[in-house]
Amino acid sequence: LWALHGHFYNFKSYSLLFITSALICSAG
């Protein structure tokens, strides 16, 4: 996924994406 889309990542957006996905996954 990094190889495919890593050019869209930055520190802030990827961190927030990871945290949001993790917490909503767990909440679900």
PDB file of all heavy atoms in Angstrom:
ATOM      1  N   LEU A   1       0.839  -1.211   0.000  1.00  0.00           N
ATOM      2  CA  LEU A   1       0.000   0.000   0.000  1.00  0.00           C
ATOM      3  C   LEU A   1       0.871   1.257   0.000  1.00  0.00           C
ATOM      4  O   LEU A   1       0.545   2.245  -0.659  1.00  0.00           O
ATOM      5  CB  LEU A   1      -0.940  -0.005   1.209  1.00  0.00           C
ATOM      6  CG  LEU A   1      -2.047  -1.061   1.185  1.00  0.00           C
ATOM      7  CD1 LEU A   1      -2.847  -1.028   2.474  1.00  0.00           C
ATOM      8  CD2 LEU A   1      -2.980  -0.847  -0.013  1.00  0.00           C
ATOM      9  N   TRP A   2       1.975   1.212   0.737  1.00  0.00           N
ATOM     10  CA  TRP A   2       2.921   2.344   0.728  1.00  0.00           C
ATOM     11  C   TRP A   2       3.504   2.536  -0.666  1.00  0.00           C
ATOM     12  O   TRP A   2       3.616   3.662  -1.158  1.00  0.00           O
ATOM     13  CB  TRP A   2       4.019   2.090   1.763  1.00  0.00           C
ATOM     14  CG  TRP A   2       5.231   2.945   1.567  1.00  0.00           C
ATOM     15  CD1 TRP A   2       5.363   4.268   1.884  1.00  0.00           C
ATOM     16  CD2 TRP A   2       6.479   2.544   0.980  1.00  0.00           C
ATOM     17  NE1 TRP A   2       6.629   4.711   1.536  1.00  0.00           N
ATOM     18  CE2 TRP A   2       7.324   3.670   0.981  1.00  0.00           C
ATOM     19  CE3 TRP A   2       6.960   1.338   0.465  1.00  0.00           C
ATOM     20  CZ2 TRP A   2       8.623   3.615   0.482  1.00  0.00           C
ATOM     21  CZ3 TRP A   2       8.249   1.283  -0.032  1.00  0.00           C
ATOM     22  CH2 TRP A   2       9.066   2.424  -0.024  1.00  0.00           C
ATOM     23  N   ALA A   3       3.898   1.428  -1.312  1.00  0.00           N
ATOM     24  CA  ALA A   3       4.471   1.517  -2.662  1.00  0.00           C
ATOM     25  C   ALA A   3       3.459   2.099  -3.654  1.00  0.00           C
ATOM     26  O   ALA A   3       3.817   2.881  -4.540  1.00  0.00           O
ATOM     27  CB  ALA A   3       4.931   0.138  -3.123  1.00  0.00           C
ATOM     28  N   LEU A   4       2.189   1.730  -3.496  1.00  0.00           N
ATOM     29  CA  LEU A   4       1.140   2.209  -4.401  1.00  0.00           C
ATOM     30  C   LEU A   4       0.734   3.657  -4.138  1.00  0.00           C
ATOM     31  O   LEU A   4       0.563   4.448  -5.063  1.00  0.00           O
ATOM     32  CB  LEU A   4      -0.112   1.324  -4.273  1.00  0.00           C
ATOM     33  CG  LEU A   4      -0.111  -0.021  -4.972  1.00  0.00           C
ATOM     34  CD1 LEU A   4      -1.351  -0.816  -4.567  1.00  0.00           C
ATOM     35  CD2 LEU A   4      -0.073   0.161  -6.492  1.00  0.00           C
ATOM     36  N   HIS A   5       0.587   3.988  -2.860  1.00  0.00           N
ATOM     37  CA  HIS A   5      -0.046   5.270  -2.511  1.00  0.00           C
ATOM     38  C   HIS A   5       0.774   6.130  -1.559  1.00  0.00           C
ATOM     39  O   HIS A   5       0.288   7.162  -1.098  1.00  0.00           O
ATOM     40  CB  HIS A   5      -1.419   5.008  -1.872  1.00  0.00           C
ATOM     41  CG  HIS A   5      -2.388   4.342  -2.791  1.00  0.00           C
ATOM     42  ND1 HIS A   5      -3.104   3.204  -2.441  1.00  0.00           N
ATOM     43  CD2 HIS A   5      -2.748   4.642  -4.065  1.00  0.00           C
ATOM     44  CE1 HIS A   5      -3.870   2.844  -3.456  1.00  0.00           C
ATOM     45  NE2 HIS A   5      -3.685   3.687  -4.451  1.00  0.00           N
ATOM     46  N   GLY A   6       2.011   5.724  -1.269  1.00  0.00           N
ATOM     47  CA  GLY A   6       2.822   6.468  -0.304  1.00  0.00           C
ATOM     48  C   GLY A   6       3.060   7.915  -0.665  1.00  0.00           C
ATOM     49  O   GLY A   6       3.288   8.760   0.206  1.00  0.00           O
ATOM     50  N   HIS A   7       2.995   8.233  -1.979  1.00  0.00           N
ATOM     51  CA  HIS A   7       3.193   9.637  -2.388  1.00  0.00           C
ATOM     52  C   HIS A   7       2.061  10.535  -1.895  1.00  0.00           C
ATOM     53  O   HIS A   7       2.186  11.757  -1.922  1.00  0.00           O
ATOM     54  CB  HIS A   7       3.347   9.735  -3.912  1.00  0.00           C
ATOM     55  CG  HIS A   7       2.246   9.090  -4.688  1.00  0.00           C
ATOM     56  ND1 HIS A   7       2.091   7.722  -4.749  1.00  0.00           N
ATOM     57  CD2 HIS A   7       1.241   9.610  -5.439  1.00  0.00           C
ATOM     58  CE1 HIS A   7       1.038   7.427  -5.499  1.00  0.00           C
ATOM     59  NE2 HIS A   7       0.504   8.555  -5.919  1.00  0.00           N
ATOM     60  N   PHE A   8       0.957   9.924  -1.429  1.00  0.00           N
ATOM     61  CA  PHE A   8      -0.144  10.706  -0.843  1.00  0.00           C
ATOM     62  C   PHE A   8       0.017  10.876   0.668  1.00  0.00           C
ATOM     63  O   PHE A   8      -0.733  11.610   1.296  1.00  0.00           O
ATOM     64  CB  PHE A   8      -1.495  10.021  -1.096  1.00  0.00           C
ATOM     65  CG  PHE A   8      -1.878   9.914  -2.544  1.00  0.00           C
ATOM     66  CD1 PHE A   8      -2.259   8.699  -3.083  1.00  0.00           C
ATOM     67  CD2 PHE A   8      -1.874  11.029  -3.370  1.00  0.00           C
ATOM     68  CE1 PHE A   8      -2.624   8.582  -4.419  1.00  0.00           C
ATOM     69  CE2 PHE A   8      -2.236  10.927  -4.711  1.00  0.00           C
ATOM     70  CZ  PHE A   8      -2.616   9.697  -5.232  1.00  0.00           C
ATOM     71  N   TYR A   9       0.959  10.149   1.277  1.00  0.00           N
ATOM     72  CA  TYR A   9       1.122  10.170   2.727  1.00  0.00           C
ATOM     73  C   TYR A   9       1.969  11.359   3.169  1.00  0.00           C
ATOM     74  O   TYR A   9       2.853  11.802   2.455  1.00  0.00           O
ATOM     75  CB  TYR A   9       1.824   8.904   3.240  1.00  0.00           C
ATOM     76  CG  TYR A   9       1.178   7.581   2.927  1.00  0.00           C
ATOM     77  CD1 TYR A   9       1.892   6.394   3.089  1.00  0.00           C
ATOM     78  CD2 TYR A   9      -0.134   7.488   2.464  1.00  0.00           C
ATOM     79  CE1 TYR A   9       1.322   5.153   2.823  1.00  0.00           C
ATOM     80  CE2 TYR A   9      -0.716   6.256   2.190  1.00  0.00           C
ATOM     81  CZ  TYR A   9       0.027   5.086   2.359  1.00  0.00           C
ATOM     82  OH  TYR A   9      -0.534   3.861   2.091  1.00  0.00           O
ATOM     83  N   ASN A  10       1.696  11.841   4.371  1.00  0.00           N
ATOM     84  CA  ASN A  10       2.635  12.701   5.095  1.00  0.00           C
ATOM     85  C   ASN A  10       2.499  12.376   6.578  1.00  0.00           C
ATOM     86  O   ASN A  10       1.635  11.578   6.959  1.00  0.00           O
ATOM     87  CB  ASN A  10       2.415  14.197   4.792  1.00  0.00           C
ATOM     88  CG  ASN A  10       1.032  14.678   5.185  1.00  0.00           C
ATOM     89  OD1 ASN A  10       0.560  14.421   6.287  1.00  0.00           O
ATOM     90  ND2 ASN A  10       0.358  15.375   4.271  1.00  0.00           N
ATOM     91  N   PHE A  11       3.344  12.958   7.399  1.00  0.00           N
ATOM     92  CA  PHE A  11       3.343  12.613   8.823  1.00  0.00           C
ATOM     93  C   PHE A  11       1.947  12.698   9.427  1.00  0.00           C
ATOM     94  O   PHE A  11       1.448  11.761  10.039  1.00  0.00           O
ATOM     95  CB  PHE A  11       4.279  13.545   9.617  1.00  0.00           C
ATOM     96  CG  PHE A  11       5.709  13.523   9.184  1.00  0.00           C
ATOM     97  CD1 PHE A  11       6.326  14.676   8.718  1.00  0.00           C
ATOM     98  CD2 PHE A  11       6.454  12.358   9.241  1.00  0.00           C
ATOM     99  CE1 PHE A  11       7.650  14.657   8.318  1.00  0.00           C
ATOM    100  CE2 PHE A  11       7.776  12.326   8.857  1.00  0.00           C
ATOM    101  CZ  PHE A  11       8.383  13.483   8.389  1.00  0.00           C
ATOM    102  N   LYS A  12       1.330  13.854   9.239  1.00  0.00           N
ATOM    103  CA  LYS A  12       0.063  14.134   9.910  1.00  0.00           C
ATOM    104  C   LYS A  12      -1.076  13.286   9.349  1.00  0.00           C
ATOM    105  O   LYS A  12      -1.811  12.639  10.104  1.00  0.00           O
ATOM    106  CB  LYS A  12      -0.264  15.634   9.768  1.00  0.00           C
ATOM    107  CG  LYS A  12      -1.467  16.070  10.587  1.00  0.00           C
ATOM    108  CD  LYS A  12      -1.665  17.580  10.455  1.00  0.00           C
ATOM    109  CE  LYS A  12      -2.897  18.028  11.219  1.00  0.00           C
ATOM    110  NZ  LYS A  12      -3.140  19.481  11.065  1.00  0.00           N
ATOM    111  N   SER A  13      -1.234  13.285   8.029  1.00  0.00           N
ATOM    112  CA  SER A  13      -2.385  12.601   7.435  1.00  0.00           C
ATOM    113  C   SER A  13      -2.327  11.092   7.671  1.00  0.00           C
ATOM    114  O   SER A  13      -3.334  10.468   8.015  1.00  0.00           O
ATOM    115  CB  SER A  13      -2.495  12.904   5.938  1.00  0.00           C
ATOM    116  OG  SER A  13      -1.414  12.343   5.214  1.00  0.00           O
ATOM    117  N   TYR A  14      -1.138  10.495   7.517  1.00  0.00           N
ATOM    118  CA  TYR A  14      -1.045   9.046   7.689  1.00  0.00           C
ATOM    119  C   TYR A  14      -1.253   8.654   9.155  1.00  0.00           C
ATOM    120  O   TYR A  14      -1.911   7.651   9.445  1.00  0.00           O
ATOM    121  CB  TYR A  14       0.305   8.536   7.191  1.00  0.00           C
ATOM    122  CG  TYR A  14       0.354   7.021   7.074  1.00  0.00           C
ATOM    123  CD1 TYR A  14      -0.103   6.376   5.930  1.00  0.00           C
ATOM    124  CD2 TYR A  14       0.855   6.237   8.112  1.00  0.00           C
ATOM    125  CE1 TYR A  14      -0.062   4.995   5.815  1.00  0.00           C
ATOM    126  CE2 TYR A  14       0.907   4.856   8.009  1.00  0.00           C
ATOM    127  CZ  TYR A  14       0.447   4.241   6.863  1.00  0.00           C
ATOM    128  OH  TYR A  14       0.482   2.869   6.764  1.00  0.00           O
ATOM    129  N   SER A  15      -0.707   9.466  10.062  1.00  0.00           N
ATOM    130  CA  SER A  15      -0.898   9.185  11.491  1.00  0.00           C
ATOM    131  C   SER A  15      -2.377   9.238  11.851  1.00  0.00           C
ATOM    132  O   SER A  15      -2.904   8.344  12.536  1.00  0.00           O
ATOM    133  CB  SER A  15      -0.124  10.193  12.349  1.00  0.00           C
ATOM    134  OG  SER A  15       1.260  10.095  12.104  1.00  0.00           O
ATOM    135  N   LEU A  16      -3.055  10.294  11.396  1.00  0.00           N
ATOM    136  CA  LEU A  16      -4.484  10.434  11.696  1.00  0.00           C
ATOM    137  C   LEU A  16      -5.308   9.345  11.021  1.00  0.00           C
ATOM    138  O   LEU A  16      -6.276   8.835  11.601  1.00  0.00           O
ATOM    139  CB  LEU A  16      -4.983  11.818  11.266  1.00  0.00           C
ATOM    140  CG  LEU A  16      -4.480  12.994  12.102  1.00  0.00           C
ATOM    141  CD1 LEU A  16      -4.911  14.322  11.479  1.00  0.00           C
ATOM    142  CD2 LEU A  16      -5.001  12.903  13.540  1.00  0.00           C
ATOM    143  N   LEU A  17      -4.938   8.977   9.797  1.00  0.00           N
ATOM    144  CA  LEU A  17      -5.611   7.888   9.092  1.00  0.00           C
ATOM    145  C   LEU A  17      -5.467   6.586   9.872  1.00  0.00           C
ATOM    146  O   LEU A  17      -6.456   5.857  10.074  1.00  0.00           O
ATOM    147  CB  LEU A  17      -5.014   7.735   7.691  1.00  0.00           C
ATOM    148  CG  LEU A  17      -5.371   6.466   6.901  1.00  0.00           C
ATOM    149  CD1 LEU A  17      -6.860   6.408   6.609  1.00  0.00           C
ATOM    150  CD2 LEU A  17      -4.558   6.404   5.604  1.00  0.00           C
ATOM    151  N   PHE A  18      -4.260   6.293  10.306  1.00  0.00           N
ATOM    152  CA  PHE A  18      -3.997   5.053  11.037  1.00  0.00           C
ATOM    153  C   PHE A  18      -4.787   5.020  12.345  1.00  0.00           C
ATOM    154  O   PHE A  18      -5.461   4.032  12.660  1.00  0.00           O
ATOM    155  CB  PHE A  18      -2.501   4.912  11.322  1.00  0.00           C
ATOM    156  CG  PHE A  18      -2.122   3.573  11.885  1.00  0.00           C
ATOM    157  CD1 PHE A  18      -1.686   2.566  11.043  1.00  0.00           C
ATOM    158  CD2 PHE A  18      -2.216   3.319  13.246  1.00  0.00           C
ATOM    159  CE1 PHE A  18      -1.344   1.313  11.553  1.00  0.00           C
ATOM    160  CE2 PHE A  18      -1.894   2.077  13.770  1.00  0.00           C
ATOM    161  CZ  PHE A  18      -1.452   1.071  12.929  1.00  0.00           C
ATOM    162  N   ILE A  19      -4.708   6.114  13.103  1.00  0.00           N
ATOM    163  CA  ILE A  19      -5.393   6.179  14.405  1.00  0.00           C
ATOM    164  C   ILE A  19      -6.906   6.072  14.223  1.00  0.00           C
ATOM    165  O   ILE A  19      -7.584   5.323  14.950  1.00  0.00           O
ATOM    166  CB  ILE A  19      -5.018   7.486  15.140  1.00  0.00           C
ATOM    167  CG1 ILE A  19      -3.540   7.450  15.550  1.00  0.00           C
ATOM    168  CG2 ILE A  19      -5.906   7.705  16.358  1.00  0.00           C
ATOM    169  CD1 ILE A  19      -2.970   8.799  15.966  1.00  0.00           C
ATOM    170  N   THR A  20      -7.457   6.809  13.253  1.00  0.00           N
ATOM    171  CA  THR A  20      -8.898   6.786  13.013  1.00  0.00           C
ATOM    172  C   THR A  20      -9.365   5.387  12.617  1.00  0.00           C
ATOM    173  O   THR A  20     -10.351   4.868  13.158  1.00  0.00           O
ATOM    174  CB  THR A  20      -9.293   7.780  11.906  1.00  0.00           C
ATOM    175  OG1 THR A  20      -8.852   9.083  12.266  1.00  0.00           O
ATOM    176  CG2 THR A  20     -10.798   7.805  11.702  1.00  0.00           C
ATOM    177  N   SER A  21      -8.651   4.765  11.681  1.00  0.00           N
ATOM    178  CA  SER A  21      -9.026   3.422  11.229  1.00  0.00           C
ATOM    179  C   SER A  21      -8.939   2.416  12.380  1.00  0.00           C
ATOM    180  O   SER A  21      -9.815   1.560  12.538  1.00  0.00           O
ATOM    181  CB  SER A  21      -8.127   2.974  10.076  1.00  0.00           C
ATOM    182  OG  SER A  21      -8.272   3.816   8.958  1.00  0.00           O
ATOM    183  N   ALA A  22      -7.879   2.534  13.192  1.00  0.00           N
ATOM    184  CA  ALA A  22      -7.694   1.610  14.317  1.00  0.00           C
ATOM    185  C   ALA A  22      -8.810   1.749  15.344  1.00  0.00           C
ATOM    186  O   ALA A  22      -9.403   0.748  15.789  1.00  0.00           O
ATOM    187  CB  ALA A  22      -6.339   1.858  14.979  1.00  0.00           C
ATOM    188  N   LEU A  23      -9.133   2.982  15.720  1.00  0.00           N
ATOM    189  CA  LEU A  23     -10.125   3.203  16.767  1.00  0.00           C
ATOM    190  C   LEU A  23     -11.541   2.875  16.291  1.00  0.00           C
ATOM    191  O   LEU A  23     -12.346   2.307  17.047  1.00  0.00           O
ATOM    192  CB  LEU A  23     -10.045   4.642  17.279  1.00  0.00           C
ATOM    193  CG  LEU A  23      -8.746   5.017  18.009  1.00  0.00           C
ATOM    194  CD1 LEU A  23      -8.789   6.452  18.504  1.00  0.00           C
ATOM    195  CD2 LEU A  23      -8.466   4.055  19.168  1.00  0.00           C
ATOM    196  N   ILE A  24     -11.861   3.214  15.047  1.00  0.00           N
ATOM    197  CA  ILE A  24     -13.200   2.893  14.537  1.00  0.00           C
ATOM    198  C   ILE A  24     -13.339   1.393  14.323  1.00  0.00           C
ATOM    199  O   ILE A  24     -14.400   0.806  14.572  1.00  0.00           O
ATOM    200  CB  ILE A  24     -13.516   3.694  13.260  1.00  0.00           C
ATOM    201  CG1 ILE A  24     -13.719   5.169  13.640  1.00  0.00           C
ATOM    202  CG2 ILE A  24     -14.764   3.153  12.547  1.00  0.00           C
ATOM    203  CD1 ILE A  24     -14.043   6.095  12.501  1.00  0.00           C
ATOM    204  N   CYS A  25     -12.267   0.752  13.891  1.00  0.00           N
ATOM    205  CA  CYS A  25     -12.255  -0.703  13.773  1.00  0.00           C
ATOM    206  C   CYS A  25     -12.574  -1.341  15.130  1.00  0.00           C
ATOM    207  O   CYS A  25     -13.458  -2.205  15.238  1.00  0.00           O
ATOM    208  CB  CYS A  25     -10.899  -1.180  13.265  1.00  0.00           C
ATOM    209  SG  CYS A  25     -10.713  -2.972  13.188  1.00  0.00           S
ATOM    210  N   SER A  26     -11.876  -0.906  16.167  1.00  0.00           N
ATOM    211  CA  SER A  26     -12.086  -1.458  17.505  1.00  0.00           C
ATOM    212  C   SER A  26     -13.478  -1.125  18.045  1.00  0.00           C
ATOM    213  O   SER A  26     -14.129  -1.972  18.662  1.00  0.00           O
ATOM    214  CB  SER A  26     -11.021  -0.929  18.470  1.00  0.00           C
ATOM    215  OG  SER A  26      -9.753  -1.442  18.131  1.00  0.00           O
ATOM    216  N   ALA A  27     -13.938   0.114  17.807  1.00  0.00           N
ATOM    217  CA  ALA A  27     -15.275   0.507  18.265  1.00  0.00           C
ATOM    218  C   ALA A  27     -16.354  -0.331  17.578  1.00  0.00           C
ATOM    219  O   ALA A  27     -17.325  -0.777  18.211  1.00  0.00           O
ATOM    220  CB  ALA A  27     -15.507   1.988  17.993  1.00  0.00           C
ATOM    221  N   GLY A  28     -16.179  -0.570  16.272  1.00  0.00           N
ATOM    222  CA  GLY A  28     -17.127  -1.401  15.536  1.00  0.00           C
ATOM    223  C   GLY A  28     -17.170  -2.817  16.095  1.00  0.00           C
ATOM    224  O   GLY A  28     -18.253  -3.393  16.283  1.00  0.00           O
TER     225      GLY A  28
END
